[in-house]
Amino acid sequence: MVIRTCVVVLGLLVACGGGGSAPAPEPVPQLGDPNPGLSIDQRETFERGLAVFERRFTRTEGHGPEFNTSSCRSCHSIPTTGGSAPLYRNFQILGNGDGGGFQPVLPDGRLVLRNFSYERSVREPMPADATIKAQRNAPPMFGLGLLERIDDFDIIARHDPNDADRDGISGRMNIDDTRIGRFGYKAQSGSLVAFVRGPIFNHMGITTDPLRIPPGTGFRFIAQQNAPETSTTDEDGSPDPELSNEDLFDLVFFVRELAPPAPLPMDAEATRGEALFDQVGCAACHVPNLVRSGDPVFAYTDLLLHDMGDERADGVRDGVATGREFRTAPLWGLRHHAPYLHDGRADTVDAAIRLHGGEAQSSRDAYVALSPADRAAILAFLETR
């Protein structure tokens, strides 16, 4: 009999296979499918989490009273559940940047503007002291569990805040409490638990407690290796937490086990484009595979912060990230969604490349200087991701 267990380390759920003969390889997952190799119980957990992700919360369940949406799927649906969102779904982050910091200006210390309410007929007013107003486009969530499983040392190995190797790239880590940041446009979250709990409160007003692993699930919890997190609460009349621990567990498991986008086969044109992608320097930050040992993760990111110049600067400081710094966006699944960049300002991949600045300026200029045929080859390569 094969026994399967899962261990939570640094907020990580890792599926571990037991002994016995190796099972037949599973088909390549389609977008929205779970990672291969899950047990029957884990598949059931994934399906329950999918139901929570697609649930439209109601006021009697604690939704609101102020909100941007009623479902996770509302902002993560393109091209399927777990994906990105059209530009009209952008949300706003507000703060006060006087003195070089970034301070909340919304009630309850919130940074995210909530546009709708059960209790007022107009949108939430823009505070007069909001000196920083930044838009965000919903990021796709495919493959996030694989990013969480990348060893800290693989990220640390590329940390180069002072450009010691003089290659013009000075990527640096963001820190979330005691964890290396991996998720979000500023790498502000170090665990998927935090990355999930934040948006369901910010955008739906749904409160949660720190995640506990339910008994009898076949999961073990190593508490001492998890940074402490606080409960979210509100005063809407519904008892907190408004999302049960069991539902939160299923939701986090669903997000963690969404399979990464599978690349398309490359023809000669795309293969030539891949070589040019490296030649102009794009792969210095969009590292094809960050993993030095073990199974590769072809996400095309270093998970580090980089100065992207004035055109992309938004003034938002998060952790050690300055208003000009952003995490290198993973490129897997690029062909499945538009718009691009943190605020969705680029309608095409070509436009997104041309908006790079700061540390990426030389690569951007090298791309623009290529012949139209060579630029088309790079885009053909990226369209296979």
Protein backbone atom coordinates (compact mmCIF):
# COMPACT_ATOMS: atom_id res chain seq x y z
CA MET A 1 0.00 0.00 0.00
CA VAL A 2 1.31 3.46 -0.90
CA ILE A 3 1.05 6.02 1.87
CA ARG A 4 1.02 9.68 0.86
CA THR A 5 1.64 12.49 3.31
CA CYS A 6 2.22 16.20 2.95
CA VAL A 7 4.55 18.32 5.03
CA VAL A 8 4.17 22.05 5.61
CA VAL A 9 7.59 23.71 5.72
CA LEU A 10 7.81 27.51 5.59
CA GLY A 11 4.12 27.46 4.73
CA LEU A 12 4.77 24.86 2.00
CA LEU A 13 2.62 21.83 1.26
CA VAL A 14 4.76 19.22 -0.48
CA ALA A 15 3.19 16.07 -1.85
CA CYS A 16 5.44 13.13 -1.00
CA GLY A 17 5.14 9.75 -2.66
CA GLY A 18 5.70 6.48 -0.85
CA GLY A 19 7.30 3.27 -2.03
CA GLY A 20 6.14 0.82 -4.62
CA SER A 21 6.40 0.80 -8.37
CA ALA A 22 6.35 4.11 -10.19
CA PRO A 23 2.90 5.02 -11.55
CA ALA A 24 2.40 5.60 -15.24
CA PRO A 25 3.10 9.22 -16.23
CA GLU A 26 0.03 11.41 -16.25
CA PRO A 27 -0.96 13.49 -19.28
CA VAL A 28 0.40 17.03 -19.41
CA PRO A 29 -1.98 19.17 -17.31
CA GLN A 30 -4.15 21.65 -19.14
CA LEU A 31 -4.49 25.21 -17.89
CA GLY A 32 -6.56 25.10 -14.70
CA ASP A 33 -5.74 21.47 -13.95
CA PRO A 34 -3.97 20.38 -10.76
CA ASN A 35 -0.35 19.34 -10.61
CA PRO A 36 0.12 15.67 -11.56
CA GLY A 37 0.71 13.05 -8.90
CA LEU A 38 -1.99 14.05 -6.41
CA SER A 39 -3.67 11.30 -4.44
CA ILE A 40 -7.43 10.81 -4.52
CA ASP A 41 -7.78 12.71 -1.22
CA GLN A 42 -5.65 15.55 -2.55
CA ARG A 43 -7.70 15.76 -5.75
CA GLU A 44 -10.82 16.05 -3.61
CA THR A 45 -9.18 18.82 -1.59
CA PHE A 46 -8.28 20.59 -4.84
CA GLU A 47 -11.88 20.37 -6.07
CA ARG A 48 -13.22 21.73 -2.78
CA GLY A 49 -10.72 24.58 -3.01
CA LEU A 50 -11.86 25.29 -6.58
CA ALA A 51 -15.43 25.59 -5.28
CA VAL A 52 -14.31 28.12 -2.65
CA PHE A 53 -12.34 30.03 -5.31
CA GLU A 54 -15.44 30.27 -7.52
CA ARG A 55 -17.93 30.91 -4.68
CA ARG A 56 -19.82 34.19 -4.82
CA PHE A 57 -19.86 35.29 -1.21
CA THR A 58 -22.99 36.93 0.16
CA ARG A 59 -23.51 39.52 2.86
CA THR A 60 -24.86 36.89 5.23
CA GLU A 61 -21.51 35.08 4.88
CA GLY A 62 -19.64 38.23 5.88
CA HIS A 63 -19.08 39.69 2.42
CA GLY A 64 -18.43 43.41 2.52
CA PRO A 65 -19.84 45.74 3.61
CA GLU A 66 -17.27 47.41 1.32
CA PHE A 67 -15.74 45.40 -1.49
CA ASN A 68 -14.37 45.24 -5.02
CA THR A 69 -15.72 41.83 -5.97
CA SER A 70 -17.62 38.87 -4.54
CA SER A 71 -15.51 35.99 -5.85
CA CYS A 72 -11.84 35.14 -6.34
CA ARG A 73 -12.69 34.03 -9.86
CA SER A 74 -14.04 37.48 -10.75
CA CYS A 75 -10.45 38.77 -10.93
CA HIS A 76 -8.77 35.50 -11.91
CA SER A 77 -10.71 34.11 -14.87
CA ILE A 78 -8.75 34.81 -18.09
CA PRO A 79 -8.44 32.48 -19.94
CA THR A 80 -9.81 30.15 -17.23
CA THR A 81 -10.25 29.96 -13.48
CA GLY A 82 -6.99 30.93 -11.79
CA GLY A 83 -5.88 33.29 -14.55
CA SER A 84 -5.71 37.05 -14.91
CA ALA A 85 -8.28 39.78 -15.59
CA PRO A 86 -9.20 42.39 -18.20
CA LEU A 87 -8.08 45.96 -17.61
CA TYR A 88 -11.46 47.03 -16.20
CA ARG A 89 -10.81 44.76 -13.20
CA ASN A 90 -7.75 46.78 -12.17
CA PHE A 91 -7.75 47.89 -8.54
CA GLN A 92 -6.08 50.85 -6.85
CA ILE A 93 -3.50 51.02 -4.08
CA LEU A 94 -3.46 54.29 -2.17
CA GLY A 95 -0.95 55.73 0.26
CA ASN A 96 0.87 58.80 1.43
CA GLY A 97 4.47 59.05 0.32
CA ASP A 98 5.41 62.26 2.11
CA GLY A 99 8.81 61.89 3.71
CA GLY A 100 9.84 59.06 1.41
CA GLY A 101 7.73 56.37 3.08
CA PHE A 102 4.40 54.81 2.20
CA GLN A 103 1.69 55.19 4.80
CA PRO A 104 -1.95 53.99 4.69
CA VAL A 105 -4.63 56.63 4.16
CA LEU A 106 -7.72 54.42 4.11
CA PRO A 107 -9.74 53.27 7.14
CA ASP A 108 -8.39 50.32 9.14
CA GLY A 109 -4.91 50.83 7.68
CA ARG A 110 -5.99 49.46 4.29
CA LEU A 111 -3.97 50.12 1.15
CA VAL A 112 -6.58 48.86 -1.36
CA LEU A 113 -9.49 51.09 -2.37
CA ARG A 114 -12.87 49.31 -2.23
CA ASN A 115 -15.18 50.63 -4.90
CA PHE A 116 -18.52 49.19 -3.84
CA SER A 117 -20.60 49.00 -0.68
CA TYR A 118 -23.85 47.64 0.71
CA GLU A 119 -24.19 50.77 2.84
CA ARG A 120 -23.46 53.67 0.47
CA SER A 121 -24.54 54.48 -3.06
CA VAL A 122 -21.26 56.02 -4.22
CA ARG A 123 -17.75 54.66 -4.59
CA GLU A 124 -15.36 54.89 -1.68
CA PRO A 125 -14.01 58.46 -1.69
CA MET A 126 -10.40 59.15 -2.53
CA PRO A 127 -8.70 60.47 0.62
CA ALA A 128 -7.29 63.97 0.22
CA ASP A 129 -3.94 62.92 1.68
CA ALA A 130 -3.41 60.12 -0.86
CA THR A 131 -0.26 61.25 -2.64
CA ILE A 132 0.40 57.86 -4.25
CA LYS A 133 -2.21 56.18 -6.43
CA ALA A 134 -1.16 53.01 -8.19
CA GLN A 135 -3.13 50.55 -10.30
CA ARG A 136 -2.72 46.78 -10.24
CA ASN A 137 -3.84 44.17 -12.73
CA ALA A 138 -4.69 40.76 -11.26
CA PRO A 139 -1.74 38.37 -11.70
CA PRO A 140 -2.33 34.79 -12.94
CA MET A 141 -1.96 32.12 -10.28
CA PHE A 142 -0.84 29.08 -12.29
CA GLY A 143 2.26 27.31 -10.99
CA LEU A 144 2.58 29.33 -7.78
CA GLY A 145 3.13 26.20 -5.71
CA LEU A 146 6.23 25.40 -7.74
CA LEU A 147 7.60 28.88 -7.07
CA GLU A 148 7.02 28.34 -3.36
CA ARG A 149 8.98 25.10 -3.51
CA ILE A 150 12.12 26.69 -4.96
CA ASP A 151 14.88 26.45 -2.38
CA ASP A 152 15.76 29.69 -0.60
CA PHE A 153 19.40 29.19 -1.51
CA ASP A 154 18.60 29.24 -5.22
CA ILE A 155 17.13 32.72 -4.77
CA ILE A 156 19.88 33.89 -2.42
CA ALA A 157 22.53 32.78 -4.94
CA ARG A 158 21.33 35.46 -7.40
CA HIS A 159 20.87 38.21 -4.78
CA ASP A 160 23.24 40.98 -5.91
CA PRO A 161 22.07 44.30 -4.40
CA ASN A 162 25.30 46.17 -5.17
CA ASP A 163 25.93 44.68 -8.63
CA ALA A 164 29.12 43.03 -7.40
CA ASP A 165 29.66 41.32 -10.76
CA ARG A 166 29.25 44.64 -12.63
CA ASP A 167 26.79 43.26 -15.16
CA GLY A 168 24.35 46.12 -14.66
CA ILE A 169 21.83 43.87 -12.89
CA SER A 170 21.45 44.35 -9.15
CA GLY A 171 18.47 42.22 -8.22
CA ARG A 172 17.70 41.90 -4.54
CA MET A 173 15.38 39.93 -2.31
CA ASN A 174 12.33 41.30 -0.58
CA ILE A 175 11.63 39.97 2.91
CA ASP A 176 8.20 39.09 4.30
CA ASP A 177 8.74 38.84 8.06
CA THR A 178 11.30 36.00 8.19
CA ARG A 179 10.63 34.66 4.69
CA ILE A 180 12.04 35.52 1.29
CA GLY A 181 9.34 37.25 -0.74
CA ARG A 182 8.22 35.36 -3.83
CA PHE A 183 4.67 36.47 -4.68
CA GLY A 184 3.13 39.74 -5.78
CA TYR A 185 4.42 42.49 -8.03
CA LYS A 186 6.77 43.66 -5.27
CA ALA A 187 7.60 40.12 -4.01
CA GLN A 188 5.86 41.25 -0.84
CA SER A 189 4.54 37.83 0.19
CA GLY A 190 6.72 34.92 1.23
CA SER A 191 3.96 32.34 1.56
CA LEU A 192 0.87 31.45 -0.41
CA VAL A 193 -1.18 31.50 2.79
CA ALA A 194 -0.47 35.22 3.19
CA PHE A 195 -0.85 35.79 -0.54
CA VAL A 196 -4.36 34.27 -0.42
CA ARG A 197 -5.57 35.75 2.87
CA GLY A 198 -4.69 39.33 1.93
CA PRO A 199 -6.80 39.66 -1.23
CA ILE A 200 -9.90 37.92 0.14
CA PHE A 201 -9.95 40.51 2.92
CA ASN A 202 -8.87 43.51 0.83
CA HIS A 203 -11.27 42.89 -2.04
CA MET A 204 -14.18 41.04 -0.43
CA GLY A 205 -14.03 41.91 3.26
CA ILE A 206 -13.87 38.21 4.14
CA THR A 207 -11.96 37.66 7.39
CA THR A 208 -9.77 34.67 8.25
CA ASP A 209 -7.61 33.34 11.03
CA PRO A 210 -4.04 32.10 10.54
CA LEU A 211 -4.22 28.73 8.79
CA ARG A 212 -4.23 25.59 10.91
CA ILE A 213 -3.92 22.19 9.26
CA PRO A 214 -7.18 20.34 9.93
CA PRO A 215 -6.81 17.01 11.79
CA GLY A 216 -7.26 13.82 9.83
CA THR A 217 -6.21 15.36 6.49
CA GLY A 218 -2.89 13.54 6.17
CA PHE A 219 -0.97 16.80 6.49
CA ARG A 220 1.57 17.60 9.20
CA PHE A 221 2.22 21.11 10.40
CA ILE A 222 5.62 22.30 11.58
CA ALA A 223 4.55 25.40 13.48
CA GLN A 224 7.99 26.59 14.50
CA GLN A 225 8.99 27.01 10.85
CA ASN A 226 6.11 29.31 10.01
CA ALA A 227 6.24 33.04 10.62
CA PRO A 228 3.34 34.13 12.86
CA GLU A 229 0.39 35.78 11.18
CA THR A 230 -2.50 37.69 12.71
CA SER A 231 -6.25 37.32 12.28
CA THR A 232 -8.18 39.68 10.02
CA THR A 233 -11.29 41.19 11.57
CA ASP A 234 -14.00 43.69 10.74
CA GLU A 235 -17.16 45.09 12.31
CA ASP A 236 -19.81 44.08 9.79
CA GLY A 237 -21.88 42.06 12.27
CA SER A 238 -20.77 38.64 11.01
CA PRO A 239 -18.70 36.57 13.44
CA ASP A 240 -14.99 36.43 12.61
CA PRO A 241 -13.45 34.51 10.97
CA GLU A 242 -15.95 34.62 8.12
CA LEU A 243 -14.14 31.92 6.15
CA SER A 244 -13.68 28.71 8.09
CA ASN A 245 -10.25 27.21 8.63
CA GLU A 246 -11.30 24.18 6.57
CA ASP A 247 -12.39 26.31 3.61
CA LEU A 248 -9.21 28.40 3.86
CA PHE A 249 -7.13 25.23 3.87
CA ASP A 250 -8.89 23.95 0.72
CA LEU A 251 -8.54 27.35 -0.97
CA VAL A 252 -4.80 27.58 -0.28
CA PHE A 253 -4.32 24.00 -1.45
CA PHE A 254 -6.16 24.76 -4.70
CA VAL A 255 -3.95 27.78 -5.40
CA ARG A 256 -0.80 25.87 -4.48
CA GLU A 257 -1.61 22.92 -6.72
CA LEU A 258 -2.70 24.78 -9.86
CA ALA A 259 -0.37 23.37 -12.49
CA PRO A 260 2.00 25.71 -14.32
CA PRO A 261 1.24 26.58 -17.96
CA ALA A 262 2.71 24.03 -20.34
CA PRO A 263 4.86 25.53 -23.13
CA LEU A 264 4.17 24.90 -26.78
CA PRO A 265 6.66 23.05 -28.99
CA MET A 266 9.17 25.42 -30.57
CA ASP A 267 9.75 25.63 -34.29
CA ALA A 268 12.95 26.96 -35.89
CA GLU A 269 11.75 30.57 -35.61
CA ALA A 270 10.97 30.28 -31.90
CA THR A 271 14.28 28.50 -31.28
CA ARG A 272 16.12 31.36 -32.97
CA GLY A 273 14.10 33.79 -30.86
CA GLU A 274 15.12 32.01 -27.67
CA ALA A 275 18.80 32.52 -28.55
CA LEU A 276 18.15 36.20 -29.28
CA PHE A 277 16.23 36.55 -26.01
CA ASP A 278 19.38 35.52 -24.20
CA GLN A 279 21.65 37.54 -26.49
CA VAL A 280 19.97 40.88 -25.75
CA GLY A 281 20.12 40.18 -22.02
CA CYS A 282 16.51 39.39 -21.14
CA ALA A 283 17.50 36.08 -19.52
CA ALA A 284 19.66 37.91 -16.96
CA CYS A 285 16.47 38.60 -14.96
CA HIS A 286 13.97 36.31 -16.67
CA VAL A 287 16.07 33.28 -15.73
CA PRO A 288 14.65 30.25 -17.56
CA ASN A 289 15.20 27.87 -14.66
CA LEU A 290 16.12 29.19 -11.21
CA VAL A 291 16.51 25.72 -9.69
CA ARG A 292 20.13 24.56 -9.44
CA SER A 293 19.37 21.01 -8.31
CA GLY A 294 16.22 18.93 -8.41
CA ASP A 295 13.33 19.26 -10.82
CA PRO A 296 13.58 22.38 -13.03
CA VAL A 297 10.97 25.13 -12.85
CA PHE A 298 10.86 26.94 -16.20
CA ALA A 299 9.15 30.09 -14.94
CA TYR A 300 11.57 32.65 -16.44
CA THR A 301 12.05 34.68 -13.27
CA ASP A 302 14.67 35.20 -10.57
CA LEU A 303 12.01 36.24 -8.00
CA LEU A 304 14.15 39.30 -7.22
CA LEU A 305 13.41 43.02 -7.16
CA HIS A 306 14.82 45.20 -9.94
CA ASP A 307 14.79 48.94 -10.53
CA MET A 308 12.60 49.37 -13.60
CA GLY A 309 13.05 53.09 -14.13
CA ASP A 310 10.76 56.11 -14.11
CA GLU A 311 8.23 54.88 -16.68
CA ARG A 312 7.20 51.94 -14.51
CA ALA A 313 7.72 53.55 -11.08
CA ASP A 314 4.54 53.78 -9.03
CA GLY A 315 5.82 55.13 -5.70
CA VAL A 316 4.57 52.11 -3.74
CA ARG A 317 7.05 50.91 -1.13
CA ASP A 318 6.50 47.40 0.18
CA GLY A 319 9.01 45.72 2.45
CA VAL A 320 12.43 46.70 1.09
CA ALA A 321 10.98 47.38 -2.38
CA THR A 322 11.18 51.00 -3.46
CA GLY A 323 8.67 52.75 -5.68
CA ARG A 324 10.83 51.93 -8.72
CA GLU A 325 11.38 48.25 -7.94
CA PHE A 326 9.35 45.26 -9.08
CA ARG A 327 9.79 41.51 -8.93
CA THR A 328 10.77 39.90 -12.22
CA ALA A 329 7.48 38.69 -13.63
CA PRO A 330 7.38 34.98 -14.54
CA LEU A 331 6.94 34.52 -18.28
CA TRP A 332 5.35 31.09 -18.29
CA GLY A 333 1.79 31.33 -19.56
CA LEU A 334 2.50 34.66 -21.27
CA ARG A 335 0.54 33.69 -24.35
CA HIS A 336 -2.61 33.07 -22.31
CA HIS A 337 -3.31 36.54 -21.04
CA ALA A 338 -3.10 40.26 -21.74
CA PRO A 339 -2.72 43.04 -20.73
CA TYR A 340 0.83 43.01 -19.33
CA LEU A 341 2.90 44.70 -16.61
CA HIS A 342 1.79 45.40 -13.06
CA ASP A 343 -0.84 47.94 -14.12
CA GLY A 344 -1.86 46.35 -17.41
CA ARG A 345 -0.67 49.34 -19.41
CA ALA A 346 0.82 47.17 -22.18
CA ASP A 347 -1.62 45.58 -24.61
CA THR A 348 1.06 43.48 -26.31
CA VAL A 349 4.28 41.71 -25.38
CA ASP A 350 6.19 44.03 -27.69
CA ALA A 351 4.78 47.07 -25.86
CA ALA A 352 5.66 45.53 -22.50
CA ILE A 353 9.29 45.04 -23.56
CA ARG A 354 9.53 48.62 -24.81
CA LEU A 355 8.30 49.93 -21.44
CA HIS A 356 11.22 48.35 -19.58
CA GLY A 357 13.71 50.80 -18.13
CA GLY A 358 16.19 51.11 -15.30
CA GLU A 359 18.25 47.94 -15.06
CA ALA A 360 16.43 46.59 -18.12
CA GLN A 361 17.13 49.65 -20.26
CA SER A 362 20.12 48.15 -22.07
CA SER A 363 18.20 44.96 -22.87
CA ARG A 364 15.22 47.00 -24.00
CA ASP A 365 17.44 49.13 -26.26
CA ALA A 366 19.14 46.04 -27.68
CA TYR A 367 15.72 44.56 -28.49
CA VAL A 368 14.54 47.76 -30.20
CA ALA A 369 17.78 47.90 -32.22
CA LEU A 370 17.19 44.44 -33.69
CA SER A 371 15.80 44.02 -37.17
CA PRO A 372 12.03 43.55 -37.40
CA ALA A 373 12.62 39.89 -38.28
CA ASP A 374 14.74 39.33 -35.17
CA ARG A 375 12.22 41.05 -32.92
CA ALA A 376 9.51 38.88 -34.47
CA ALA A 377 11.58 35.80 -33.63
CA ILE A 378 11.81 36.81 -29.96
CA LEU A 379 8.05 37.36 -29.87
CA ALA A 380 7.52 33.97 -31.55
CA PHE A 381 9.58 32.40 -28.77
CA LEU A 382 7.62 34.20 -26.05
CA GLU A 383 4.35 33.11 -27.66
CA THR A 384 5.35 29.50 -26.91
CA ARG A 385 5.56 30.19 -23.17
